[in-house]
Full PDB file with SEQRES, HELIX, SHEET, SSBOND, CRYST1, ORIGX, SCALE, CONECT and MASTER records, all heavy atoms in Angstrom:
SEQRES   1 A   40  GLU ARG ILE ALA ALA THR GLU ALA SER ALA TYR GLY ILE          
SEQRES   2 A   40  HIS TRP THR PHE ALA PRO MET VAL ASP ILE ALA ARG ASP          
SEQRES   3 A   40  PRO ARG TRP GLY ARG VAL MET GLU GLY ALA GLY GLU ASP          
SEQRES   4 A   40  THR                                                          
HELIX    1 AA1 ARG A    2  ALA A   10  1                                   9    
HELIX    2 AA2 GLY A   30  GLU A   34  5                                   5    
CRYST1    1.000    1.000    1.000  90.00  90.00  90.00 P 1           1          
ORIGX1      1.000000  0.000000  0.000000        0.00000                         
ORIGX2      0.000000  1.000000  0.000000        0.00000                         
ORIGX3      0.000000  0.000000  1.000000        0.00000                         
SCALE1      1.000000  0.000000  0.000000        0.00000                         
SCALE2      0.000000  1.000000  0.000000        0.00000                         
SCALE3      0.000000  0.000000  1.000000        0.00000                         
ATOM      1  N   GLU A   1      -5.182  -2.968   7.949  1.00  0.00           N  
ATOM      2  CA  GLU A   1      -3.739  -3.186   8.069  1.00  0.00           C  
ATOM      3  C   GLU A   1      -3.382  -3.884   9.379  1.00  0.00           C  
ATOM      4  O   GLU A   1      -2.380  -4.599   9.450  1.00  0.00           O  
ATOM      5  CB  GLU A   1      -2.988  -1.855   7.954  1.00  0.00           C  
ATOM      6  CG  GLU A   1      -3.298  -1.035   6.713  1.00  0.00           C  
ATOM      7  CD  GLU A   1      -3.009  -1.730   5.384  1.00  0.00           C  
ATOM      8  OE1 GLU A   1      -2.980  -2.981   5.327  1.00  0.00           O  
ATOM      9  OE2 GLU A   1      -2.821  -1.028   4.382  1.00  0.00           O  
ATOM     10  N   ARG A   2      -4.208  -3.705  10.412  1.00  0.00           N  
ATOM     11  CA  ARG A   2      -4.012  -4.468  11.644  1.00  0.00           C  
ATOM     12  C   ARG A   2      -4.176  -5.961  11.342  1.00  0.00           C  
ATOM     13  O   ARG A   2      -3.392  -6.805  11.787  1.00  0.00           O  
ATOM     14  CB  ARG A   2      -5.056  -4.089  12.701  1.00  0.00           C  
ATOM     15  CG  ARG A   2      -4.832  -2.870  13.513  1.00  0.00           C  
ATOM     16  CD  ARG A   2      -3.904  -3.027  14.733  1.00  0.00           C  
ATOM     17  NE  ARG A   2      -2.532  -3.321  14.358  1.00  0.00           N  
ATOM     18  CZ  ARG A   2      -1.891  -4.429  14.641  1.00  0.00           C  
ATOM     19  NH1 ARG A   2      -2.465  -5.373  15.339  1.00  0.00           N  
ATOM     20  NH2 ARG A   2      -0.657  -4.624  14.260  1.00  0.00           N  
ATOM     21  N   ILE A   3      -5.214  -6.282  10.583  1.00  0.00           N  
ATOM     22  CA  ILE A   3      -5.450  -7.685  10.214  1.00  0.00           C  
ATOM     23  C   ILE A   3      -4.327  -8.194   9.323  1.00  0.00           C  
ATOM     24  O   ILE A   3      -3.814  -9.303   9.513  1.00  0.00           O  
ATOM     25  CB  ILE A   3      -6.816  -7.817   9.516  1.00  0.00           C  
ATOM     26  CG1 ILE A   3      -7.943  -7.555  10.519  1.00  0.00           C  
ATOM     27  CG2 ILE A   3      -6.968  -9.199   8.881  1.00  0.00           C  
ATOM     28  CD1 ILE A   3      -9.317  -7.451   9.894  1.00  0.00           C  
ATOM     29  N   ALA A   4      -3.929  -7.375   8.337  1.00  0.00           N  
ATOM     30  CA  ALA A   4      -2.847  -7.782   7.437  1.00  0.00           C  
ATOM     31  C   ALA A   4      -1.562  -8.037   8.211  1.00  0.00           C  
ATOM     32  O   ALA A   4      -0.843  -9.019   7.950  1.00  0.00           O  
ATOM     33  CB  ALA A   4      -2.627  -6.707   6.370  1.00  0.00           C  
ATOM     34  N   ALA A   5      -1.260  -7.167   9.174  1.00  0.00           N  
ATOM     35  CA  ALA A   5      -0.050  -7.340   9.974  1.00  0.00           C  
ATOM     36  C   ALA A   5      -0.126  -8.600  10.827  1.00  0.00           C  
ATOM     37  O   ALA A   5       0.859  -9.337  10.969  1.00  0.00           O  
ATOM     38  CB  ALA A   5       0.167  -6.111  10.859  1.00  0.00           C  
ATOM     39  N   THR A   6      -1.286  -8.860  11.400  1.00  0.00           N  
ATOM     40  CA  THR A   6      -1.463 -10.048  12.235  1.00  0.00           C  
ATOM     41  C   THR A   6      -1.281 -11.317  11.412  1.00  0.00           C  
ATOM     42  O   THR A   6      -0.600 -12.266  11.833  1.00  0.00           O  
ATOM     43  CB  THR A   6      -2.853 -10.030  12.893  1.00  0.00           C  
ATOM     44  OG1 THR A   6      -2.994  -8.839  13.677  1.00  0.00           O  
ATOM     45  CG2 THR A   6      -3.053 -11.241  13.790  1.00  0.00           C  
ATOM     46  N   GLU A   7      -1.880 -11.331  10.225  1.00  0.00           N  
ATOM     47  CA  GLU A   7      -1.752 -12.509   9.368  1.00  0.00           C  
ATOM     48  C   GLU A   7      -0.324 -12.671   8.848  1.00  0.00           C  
ATOM     49  O   GLU A   7       0.235 -13.769   8.851  1.00  0.00           O  
ATOM     50  CB  GLU A   7      -2.738 -12.417   8.200  1.00  0.00           C  
ATOM     51  CG  GLU A   7      -4.191 -12.545   8.614  1.00  0.00           C  
ATOM     52  CD  GLU A   7      -5.151 -12.558   7.436  1.00  0.00           C  
ATOM     53  OE1 GLU A   7      -4.710 -12.278   6.291  1.00  0.00           O  
ATOM     54  OE2 GLU A   7      -6.339 -12.857   7.653  1.00  0.00           O  
ATOM     55  N   ALA A   8       0.244 -11.574   8.362  1.00  0.00           N  
ATOM     56  CA  ALA A   8       1.586 -11.654   7.768  1.00  0.00           C  
ATOM     57  C   ALA A   8       2.629 -12.043   8.802  1.00  0.00           C  
ATOM     58  O   ALA A   8       3.515 -12.875   8.539  1.00  0.00           O  
ATOM     59  CB  ALA A   8       1.946 -10.320   7.115  1.00  0.00           C  
ATOM     60  N   SER A   9       2.551 -11.449   9.988  1.00  0.00           N  
ATOM     61  CA  SER A   9       3.532 -11.776  11.026  1.00  0.00           C  
ATOM     62  C   SER A   9       3.416 -13.233  11.452  1.00  0.00           C  
ATOM     63  O   SER A   9       4.408 -13.857  11.834  1.00  0.00           O  
ATOM     64  CB  SER A   9       3.366 -10.846  12.236  1.00  0.00           C  
ATOM     65  OG  SER A   9       2.099 -11.023  12.852  1.00  0.00           O  
ATOM     66  N   ALA A  10       2.208 -13.779  11.367  1.00  0.00           N  
ATOM     67  CA  ALA A  10       2.021 -15.194  11.691  1.00  0.00           C  
ATOM     68  C   ALA A  10       2.685 -16.098  10.661  1.00  0.00           C  
ATOM     69  O   ALA A  10       2.925 -17.281  10.935  1.00  0.00           O  
ATOM     70  CB  ALA A  10       0.533 -15.516  11.788  1.00  0.00           C  
ATOM     71  N   TYR A  11       2.967 -15.564   9.497  1.00  0.00           N  
ATOM     72  CA  TYR A  11       3.675 -16.306   8.449  1.00  0.00           C  
ATOM     73  C   TYR A  11       5.175 -15.990   8.439  1.00  0.00           C  
ATOM     74  O   TYR A  11       5.861 -16.256   7.466  1.00  0.00           O  
ATOM     75  CB  TYR A  11       3.067 -15.997   7.086  1.00  0.00           C  
ATOM     76  CG  TYR A  11       1.832 -16.827   6.756  1.00  0.00           C  
ATOM     77  CD1 TYR A  11       0.615 -16.563   7.367  1.00  0.00           C  
ATOM     78  CD2 TYR A  11       1.898 -17.877   5.852  1.00  0.00           C  
ATOM     79  CE1 TYR A  11      -0.508 -17.318   7.085  1.00  0.00           C  
ATOM     80  CE2 TYR A  11       0.780 -18.637   5.550  1.00  0.00           C  
ATOM     81  CZ  TYR A  11      -0.426 -18.355   6.170  1.00  0.00           C  
ATOM     82  OH  TYR A  11      -1.539 -19.119   5.882  1.00  0.00           O  
ATOM     83  N   GLY A  12       5.657 -15.381   9.520  1.00  0.00           N  
ATOM     84  CA  GLY A  12       7.088 -15.146   9.658  1.00  0.00           C  
ATOM     85  C   GLY A  12       7.594 -13.862   9.048  1.00  0.00           C  
ATOM     86  O   GLY A  12       8.803 -13.631   8.978  1.00  0.00           O  
ATOM     87  N   ILE A  13       6.695 -12.987   8.603  1.00  0.00           N  
ATOM     88  CA  ILE A  13       7.093 -11.746   7.933  1.00  0.00           C  
ATOM     89  C   ILE A  13       7.288 -10.649   8.972  1.00  0.00           C  
ATOM     90  O   ILE A  13       6.469 -10.470   9.879  1.00  0.00           O  
ATOM     91  CB  ILE A  13       6.029 -11.346   6.894  1.00  0.00           C  
ATOM     92  CG1 ILE A  13       5.987 -12.398   5.775  1.00  0.00           C  
ATOM     93  CG2 ILE A  13       6.304  -9.963   6.316  1.00  0.00           C  
ATOM     94  CD1 ILE A  13       4.777 -12.285   4.876  1.00  0.00           C  
ATOM     95  N   HIS A  14       8.372  -9.884   8.815  1.00  0.00           N  
ATOM     96  CA  HIS A  14       8.699  -8.794   9.746  1.00  0.00           C  
ATOM     97  C   HIS A  14       8.371  -7.415   9.193  1.00  0.00           C  
ATOM     98  O   HIS A  14       8.275  -6.453   9.954  1.00  0.00           O  
ATOM     99  CB  HIS A  14      10.208  -8.784  10.064  1.00  0.00           C  
ATOM    100  CG  HIS A  14      10.760 -10.083  10.516  1.00  0.00           C  
ATOM    101  ND1 HIS A  14      11.983 -10.571  10.111  1.00  0.00           N  
ATOM    102  CD2 HIS A  14      10.241 -11.014  11.361  1.00  0.00           C  
ATOM    103  CE1 HIS A  14      12.211 -11.736  10.680  1.00  0.00           C  
ATOM    104  NE2 HIS A  14      11.175 -12.036  11.444  1.00  0.00           N  
ATOM    105  N   TRP A  15       8.213  -7.320   7.879  1.00  0.00           N  
ATOM    106  CA  TRP A  15       8.319  -6.005   7.233  1.00  0.00           C  
ATOM    107  C   TRP A  15       7.486  -6.008   5.965  1.00  0.00           C  
ATOM    108  O   TRP A  15       7.582  -6.920   5.150  1.00  0.00           O  
ATOM    109  CB  TRP A  15       9.800  -5.778   6.933  1.00  0.00           C  
ATOM    110  CG  TRP A  15      10.232  -4.550   6.230  1.00  0.00           C  
ATOM    111  CD1 TRP A  15       9.576  -3.370   6.075  1.00  0.00           C  
ATOM    112  CD2 TRP A  15      11.509  -4.384   5.583  1.00  0.00           C  
ATOM    113  NE1 TRP A  15      10.342  -2.484   5.382  1.00  0.00           N  
ATOM    114  CE2 TRP A  15      11.535  -3.073   5.073  1.00  0.00           C  
ATOM    115  CE3 TRP A  15      12.624  -5.199   5.394  1.00  0.00           C  
ATOM    116  CZ2 TRP A  15      12.633  -2.568   4.367  1.00  0.00           C  
ATOM    117  CZ3 TRP A  15      13.713  -4.706   4.709  1.00  0.00           C  
ATOM    118  CH2 TRP A  15      13.720  -3.402   4.199  1.00  0.00           C  
ATOM    119  N   THR A  16       6.651  -4.995   5.794  1.00  0.00           N  
ATOM    120  CA  THR A  16       5.906  -4.842   4.552  1.00  0.00           C  
ATOM    121  C   THR A  16       6.416  -3.641   3.785  1.00  0.00           C  
ATOM    122  O   THR A  16       6.797  -2.630   4.371  1.00  0.00           O  
ATOM    123  CB  THR A  16       4.399  -4.665   4.799  1.00  0.00           C  
ATOM    124  OG1 THR A  16       3.747  -4.430   3.535  1.00  0.00           O  
ATOM    125  CG2 THR A  16       4.097  -3.486   5.715  1.00  0.00           C  
ATOM    126  N   PHE A  17       6.400  -3.744   2.464  1.00  0.00           N  
ATOM    127  CA  PHE A  17       6.759  -2.617   1.608  1.00  0.00           C  
ATOM    128  C   PHE A  17       5.493  -1.823   1.296  1.00  0.00           C  
ATOM    129  O   PHE A  17       5.036  -1.740   0.146  1.00  0.00           O  
ATOM    130  CB  PHE A  17       7.461  -3.117   0.347  1.00  0.00           C  
ATOM    131  CG  PHE A  17       8.666  -3.962   0.649  1.00  0.00           C  
ATOM    132  CD1 PHE A  17       8.745  -5.266   0.229  1.00  0.00           C  
ATOM    133  CD2 PHE A  17       9.721  -3.451   1.404  1.00  0.00           C  
ATOM    134  CE1 PHE A  17       9.851  -6.054   0.520  1.00  0.00           C  
ATOM    135  CE2 PHE A  17      10.826  -4.225   1.709  1.00  0.00           C  
ATOM    136  CZ  PHE A  17      10.895  -5.538   1.265  1.00  0.00           C  
ATOM    137  N   ALA A  18       4.928  -1.253   2.310  1.00  0.00           N  
ATOM    138  CA  ALA A  18       3.703  -0.470   2.238  1.00  0.00           C  
ATOM    139  C   ALA A  18       3.663   0.406   3.492  1.00  0.00           C  
ATOM    140  O   ALA A  18       4.282   0.071   4.503  1.00  0.00           O  
ATOM    141  CB  ALA A  18       2.480  -1.397   2.166  1.00  0.00           C  
ATOM    142  N   PRO A  19       2.971   1.548   3.451  1.00  0.00           N  
ATOM    143  CA  PRO A  19       2.044   1.964   2.400  1.00  0.00           C  
ATOM    144  C   PRO A  19       2.717   2.772   1.292  1.00  0.00           C  
ATOM    145  O   PRO A  19       3.731   3.437   1.516  1.00  0.00           O  
ATOM    146  CB  PRO A  19       1.078   2.873   3.169  1.00  0.00           C  
ATOM    147  CG  PRO A  19       1.948   3.512   4.216  1.00  0.00           C  
ATOM    148  CD  PRO A  19       2.912   2.430   4.638  1.00  0.00           C  
ATOM    149  N   MET A  20       2.139   2.692   0.099  1.00  0.00           N  
ATOM    150  CA  MET A  20       2.522   3.602  -0.963  1.00  0.00           C  
ATOM    151  C   MET A  20       1.761   4.899  -0.747  1.00  0.00           C  
ATOM    152  O   MET A  20       0.534   4.913  -0.784  1.00  0.00           O  
ATOM    153  CB  MET A  20       2.183   3.020  -2.346  1.00  0.00           C  
ATOM    154  CG  MET A  20       2.750   3.870  -3.480  1.00  0.00           C  
ATOM    155  SD  MET A  20       2.229   3.359  -5.127  1.00  0.00           S  
ATOM    156  CE  MET A  20       0.820   4.463  -5.355  1.00  0.00           C  
ATOM    157  N   VAL A  21       2.484   5.985  -0.513  1.00  0.00           N  
ATOM    158  CA  VAL A  21       1.844   7.274  -0.239  1.00  0.00           C  
ATOM    159  C   VAL A  21       2.077   8.265  -1.382  1.00  0.00           C  
ATOM    160  O   VAL A  21       1.944   9.471  -1.200  1.00  0.00           O  
ATOM    161  CB  VAL A  21       2.308   7.866   1.113  1.00  0.00           C  
ATOM    162  CG1 VAL A  21       1.873   6.969   2.260  1.00  0.00           C  
ATOM    163  CG2 VAL A  21       3.816   8.074   1.143  1.00  0.00           C  
ATOM    164  N   ASP A  22       2.408   7.739  -2.557  1.00  0.00           N  
ATOM    165  CA  ASP A  22       2.583   8.608  -3.720  1.00  0.00           C  
ATOM    166  C   ASP A  22       1.264   9.269  -4.099  1.00  0.00           C  
ATOM    167  O   ASP A  22       0.220   8.609  -4.162  1.00  0.00           O  
ATOM    168  CB  ASP A  22       3.067   7.794  -4.925  1.00  0.00           C  
ATOM    169  CG  ASP A  22       4.437   7.185  -4.693  1.00  0.00           C  
ATOM    170  OD1 ASP A  22       5.362   7.957  -4.394  1.00  0.00           O  
ATOM    171  OD2 ASP A  22       4.578   5.958  -4.807  1.00  0.00           O  
ATOM    172  N   ILE A  23       1.303  10.567  -4.354  1.00  0.00           N  
ATOM    173  CA  ILE A  23       0.154  11.282  -4.893  1.00  0.00           C  
ATOM    174  C   ILE A  23       0.127  11.046  -6.402  1.00  0.00           C  
ATOM    175  O   ILE A  23       1.149  11.187  -7.077  1.00  0.00           O  
ATOM    176  CB  ILE A  23       0.234  12.785  -4.579  1.00  0.00           C  
ATOM    177  CG1 ILE A  23       0.334  13.005  -3.064  1.00  0.00           C  
ATOM    178  CG2 ILE A  23      -0.959  13.530  -5.167  1.00  0.00           C  
ATOM    179  CD1 ILE A  23      -0.801  12.383  -2.264  1.00  0.00           C  
ATOM    180  N   ALA A  24      -1.021  10.657  -6.929  1.00  0.00           N  
ATOM    181  CA  ALA A  24      -1.117  10.276  -8.344  1.00  0.00           C  
ATOM    182  C   ALA A  24      -2.281  11.000  -9.011  1.00  0.00           C  
ATOM    183  O   ALA A  24      -3.430  10.841  -8.603  1.00  0.00           O  
ATOM    184  CB  ALA A  24      -1.301   8.768  -8.472  1.00  0.00           C  
ATOM    185  N   ARG A  25      -1.957  11.777 -10.016  1.00  0.00           N  
ATOM    186  CA  ARG A  25      -2.973  12.549 -10.739  1.00  0.00           C  
ATOM    187  C   ARG A  25      -3.203  12.037 -12.158  1.00  0.00           C  
ATOM    188  O   ARG A  25      -3.968  12.630 -12.902  1.00  0.00           O  
ATOM    189  CB  ARG A  25      -2.526  14.021 -10.798  1.00  0.00           C  
ATOM    190  CG  ARG A  25      -2.494  14.696  -9.436  1.00  0.00           C  
ATOM    191  CD  ARG A  25      -1.850  16.067  -9.515  1.00  0.00           C  
ATOM    192  NE  ARG A  25      -2.131  16.876  -8.334  1.00  0.00           N  
ATOM    193  CZ  ARG A  25      -1.685  18.116  -8.155  1.00  0.00           C  
ATOM    194  NH1 ARG A  25      -0.910  18.688  -9.085  1.00  0.00           N  
ATOM    195  NH2 ARG A  25      -1.996  18.802  -7.078  1.00  0.00           N  
ATOM    196  N   ASP A  26      -2.538  10.952 -12.513  1.00  0.00           N  
ATOM    197  CA  ASP A  26      -2.609  10.448 -13.882  1.00  0.00           C  
ATOM    198  C   ASP A  26      -3.015   8.981 -13.853  1.00  0.00           C  
ATOM    199  O   ASP A  26      -2.204   8.105 -13.528  1.00  0.00           O  
ATOM    200  CB  ASP A  26      -1.234  10.608 -14.552  1.00  0.00           C  
ATOM    201  CG  ASP A  26      -1.274  10.356 -16.048  1.00  0.00           C  
ATOM    202  OD1 ASP A  26      -2.151   9.586 -16.495  1.00  0.00           O  
ATOM    203  OD2 ASP A  26      -0.434  10.905 -16.774  1.00  0.00           O  
ATOM    204  N   PRO A  27      -4.269   8.658 -14.201  1.00  0.00           N  
ATOM    205  CA  PRO A  27      -4.718   7.266 -14.123  1.00  0.00           C  
ATOM    206  C   PRO A  27      -4.087   6.351 -15.158  1.00  0.00           C  
ATOM    207  O   PRO A  27      -4.264   5.129 -15.080  1.00  0.00           O  
ATOM    208  CB  PRO A  27      -6.230   7.373 -14.339  1.00  0.00           C  
ATOM    209  CG  PRO A  27      -6.422   8.641 -15.098  1.00  0.00           C  
ATOM    210  CD  PRO A  27      -5.344   9.570 -14.594  1.00  0.00           C  
ATOM    211  N   ARG A  28      -3.340   6.898 -16.103  1.00  0.00           N  
ATOM    212  CA  ARG A  28      -2.613   6.017 -17.014  1.00  0.00           C  
ATOM    213  C   ARG A  28      -1.533   5.242 -16.278  1.00  0.00           C  
ATOM    214  O   ARG A  28      -1.125   4.163 -16.715  1.00  0.00           O  
ATOM    215  CB  ARG A  28      -1.990   6.846 -18.151  1.00  0.00           C  
ATOM    216  CG  ARG A  28      -2.999   7.478 -19.089  1.00  0.00           C  
ATOM    217  CD  ARG A  28      -2.326   8.411 -20.084  1.00  0.00           C  
ATOM    218  NE  ARG A  28      -1.652   9.525 -19.411  1.00  0.00           N  
ATOM    219  CZ  ARG A  28      -0.999  10.486 -20.058  1.00  0.00           C  
ATOM    220  NH1 ARG A  28      -0.935  10.478 -21.384  1.00  0.00           N  
ATOM    221  NH2 ARG A  28      -0.425  11.475 -19.391  1.00  0.00           N  
ATOM    222  N   TRP A  29      -1.046   5.807 -15.180  1.00  0.00           N  
ATOM    223  CA  TRP A  29      -0.034   5.151 -14.351  1.00  0.00           C  
ATOM    224  C   TRP A  29      -0.698   4.006 -13.589  1.00  0.00           C  
ATOM    225  O   TRP A  29      -1.599   4.222 -12.774  1.00  0.00           O  
ATOM    226  CB  TRP A  29       0.574   6.157 -13.386  1.00  0.00           C  
ATOM    227  CG  TRP A  29       1.733   5.659 -12.599  1.00  0.00           C  
ATOM    228  CD1 TRP A  29       2.851   5.044 -13.088  1.00  0.00           C  
ATOM    229  CD2 TRP A  29       1.905   5.743 -11.176  1.00  0.00           C  
ATOM    230  NE1 TRP A  29       3.716   4.743 -12.057  1.00  0.00           N  
ATOM    231  CE2 TRP A  29       3.156   5.161 -10.876  1.00  0.00           C  
ATOM    232  CE3 TRP A  29       1.128   6.261 -10.141  1.00  0.00           C  
ATOM    233  CZ2 TRP A  29       3.647   5.075  -9.570  1.00  0.00           C  
ATOM    234  CZ3 TRP A  29       1.609   6.186  -8.841  1.00  0.00           C  
ATOM    235  CH2 TRP A  29       2.856   5.590  -8.568  1.00  0.00           C  
ATOM    236  N   GLY A  30      -0.246   2.771 -13.843  1.00  0.00           N  
ATOM    237  CA  GLY A  30      -0.913   1.614 -13.270  1.00  0.00           C  
ATOM    238  C   GLY A  30      -0.883   1.533 -11.766  1.00  0.00           C  
ATOM    239  O   GLY A  30      -1.746   0.901 -11.152  1.00  0.00           O  
ATOM    240  N   ARG A  31       0.104   2.178 -11.148  1.00  0.00           N  
ATOM    241  CA  ARG A  31       0.227   2.045  -9.702  1.00  0.00           C  
ATOM    242  C   ARG A  31      -0.704   2.966  -8.931  1.00  0.00           C  
ATOM    243  O   ARG A  31      -0.648   3.001  -7.690  1.00  0.00           O  
ATOM    244  CB  ARG A  31       1.687   2.253  -9.277  1.00  0.00           C  
ATOM    245  CG  ARG A  31       2.608   1.217  -9.877  1.00  0.00           C  
ATOM    246  CD  ARG A  31       3.966   1.155  -9.236  1.00  0.00           C  
ATOM    247  NE  ARG A  31       3.951   0.343  -8.031  1.00  0.00           N  
ATOM    248  CZ  ARG A  31       5.061  -0.157  -7.453  1.00  0.00           C  
ATOM    249  NH1 ARG A  31       6.250   0.106  -7.983  1.00  0.00           N  
ATOM    250  NH2 ARG A  31       4.991  -0.881  -6.367  1.00  0.00           N  
ATOM    251  N   VAL A  32      -1.592   3.672  -9.623  1.00  0.00           N  
ATOM    252  CA  VAL A  32      -2.617   4.403  -8.876  1.00  0.00           C  
ATOM    253  C   VAL A  32      -3.422   3.449  -8.008  1.00  0.00           C  
ATOM    254  O   VAL A  32      -3.945   3.842  -6.955  1.00  0.00           O  
ATOM    255  CB  VAL A  32      -3.554   5.221  -9.800  1.00  0.00           C  
ATOM    256  CG1 VAL A  32      -2.787   6.272 -10.579  1.00  0.00           C  
ATOM    257  CG2 VAL A  32      -4.343   4.322 -10.738  1.00  0.00           C  
ATOM    258  N   MET A  33      -3.524   2.174  -8.423  1.00  0.00           N  
ATOM    259  CA  MET A  33      -4.301   1.216  -7.641  1.00  0.00           C  
ATOM    260  C   MET A  33      -3.720   0.980  -6.248  1.00  0.00           C  
ATOM    261  O   MET A  33      -4.409   0.539  -5.342  1.00  0.00           O  
ATOM    262  CB  MET A  33      -4.414  -0.123  -8.377  1.00  0.00           C  
ATOM    263  CG  MET A  33      -3.107  -0.838  -8.708  1.00  0.00           C  
ATOM    264  SD  MET A  33      -2.209  -1.686  -7.379  1.00  0.00           S  
ATOM    265  CE  MET A  33      -3.414  -2.801  -6.758  1.00  0.00           C  
ATOM    266  N   GLU A  34      -2.444   1.298  -6.080  1.00  0.00           N  
ATOM    267  CA  GLU A  34      -1.731   0.993  -4.850  1.00  0.00           C  
ATOM    268  C   GLU A  34      -1.739   2.154  -3.855  1.00  0.00           C  
ATOM    269  O   GLU A  34      -1.272   2.006  -2.723  1.00  0.00           O  
ATOM    270  CB  GLU A  34      -0.286   0.627  -5.202  1.00  0.00           C  
ATOM    271  CG  GLU A  34       0.460  -0.164  -4.178  1.00  0.00           C  
ATOM    272  CD  GLU A  34       1.857  -0.532  -4.651  1.00  0.00           C  
ATOM    273  OE1 GLU A  34       2.095  -0.569  -5.878  1.00  0.00           O  
ATOM    274  OE2 GLU A  34       2.720  -0.762  -3.783  1.00  0.00           O  
ATOM    275  N   GLY A  35      -2.261   3.303  -4.265  1.00  0.00           N  
ATOM    276  CA  GLY A  35      -2.214   4.479  -3.411  1.00  0.00           C  
ATOM    277  C   GLY A  35      -3.586   4.981  -3.026  1.00  0.00           C  
ATOM    278  O   GLY A  35      -4.583   4.260  -3.089  1.00  0.00           O  
ATOM    279  N   ALA A  36      -3.633   6.259  -2.631  1.00  0.00           N  
ATOM    280  CA  ALA A  36      -4.875   6.859  -2.128  1.00  0.00           C  
ATOM    281  C   ALA A  36      -5.418   7.936  -3.050  1.00  0.00           C  
ATOM    282  O   ALA A  36      -6.322   8.671  -2.676  1.00  0.00           O  
ATOM    283  CB  ALA A  36      -4.656   7.438  -0.732  1.00  0.00           C  
ATOM    284  N   GLY A  37      -4.848   8.057  -4.264  1.00  0.00           N  
ATOM    285  CA  GLY A  37      -5.417   8.984  -5.218  1.00  0.00           C  
ATOM    286  C   GLY A  37      -4.668  10.280  -5.373  1.00  0.00           C  
ATOM    287  O   GLY A  37      -3.452  10.353  -5.151  1.00  0.00           O  
ATOM    288  N   GLU A  38      -5.405  11.326  -5.724  1.00  0.00           N  
ATOM    289  CA  GLU A  38      -4.788  12.559  -6.213  1.00  0.00           C  
ATOM    290  C   GLU A  38      -4.585  13.640  -5.162  1.00  0.00           C  
ATOM    291  O   GLU A  38      -3.892  14.621  -5.422  1.00  0.00           O  
ATOM    292  CB  GLU A  38      -5.658  13.146  -7.328  1.00  0.00           C  
ATOM    293  CG  GLU A  38      -6.980  13.743  -6.854  1.00  0.00           C  
ATOM    294  CD  GLU A  38      -7.872  14.154  -8.007  1.00  0.00           C  
ATOM    295  OE1 GLU A  38      -8.042  13.358  -8.943  1.00  0.00           O  
ATOM    296  OE2 GLU A  38      -8.420  15.270  -7.975  1.00  0.00           O  
ATOM    297  N   ASP A  39      -5.175  13.477  -3.972  1.00  0.00           N  
ATOM    298  CA  ASP A  39      -5.185  14.587  -3.020  1.00  0.00           C  
ATOM    299  C   ASP A  39      -4.167  14.399  -1.909  1.00  0.00           C  
ATOM    300  O   ASP A  39      -4.092  13.341  -1.272  1.00  0.00           O  
ATOM    301  CB  ASP A  39      -6.575  14.740  -2.401  1.00  0.00           C  
ATOM    302  CG  ASP A  39      -6.637  15.955  -1.500  1.00  0.00           C  
ATOM    303  OD1 ASP A  39      -6.584  17.079  -2.026  1.00  0.00           O  
ATOM    304  OD2 ASP A  39      -6.703  15.771  -0.263  1.00  0.00           O  
ATOM    305  N   THR A  40      -3.404  15.448  -1.648  1.00  0.00           N  
ATOM    306  CA  THR A  40      -2.338  15.391  -0.648  1.00  0.00           C  
ATOM    307  C   THR A  40      -2.895  15.210   0.762  1.00  0.00           C  
ATOM    308  O   THR A  40      -2.374  14.413   1.549  1.00  0.00           O  
ATOM    309  CB  THR A  40      -1.483  16.669  -0.713  1.00  0.00           C  
ATOM    310  OG1 THR A  40      -0.951  16.802  -2.037  1.00  0.00           O  
ATOM    311  CG2 THR A  40      -0.340  16.621   0.283  1.00  0.00           C  
TER     312      THR A  40                                                      
MASTER        0    0    0    2    0    0    0    6  311    1    0    4          
END                                                                             
């Protein structure tokens, strides 16, 4: 995320809509890919 911030800010971006910290216990939900899994 340090690298992502460095690259993104160099492209004029101030703000990211991340991290997704949702706890997800159902892999049918497609956005499990965006989080850290099932454990709090």
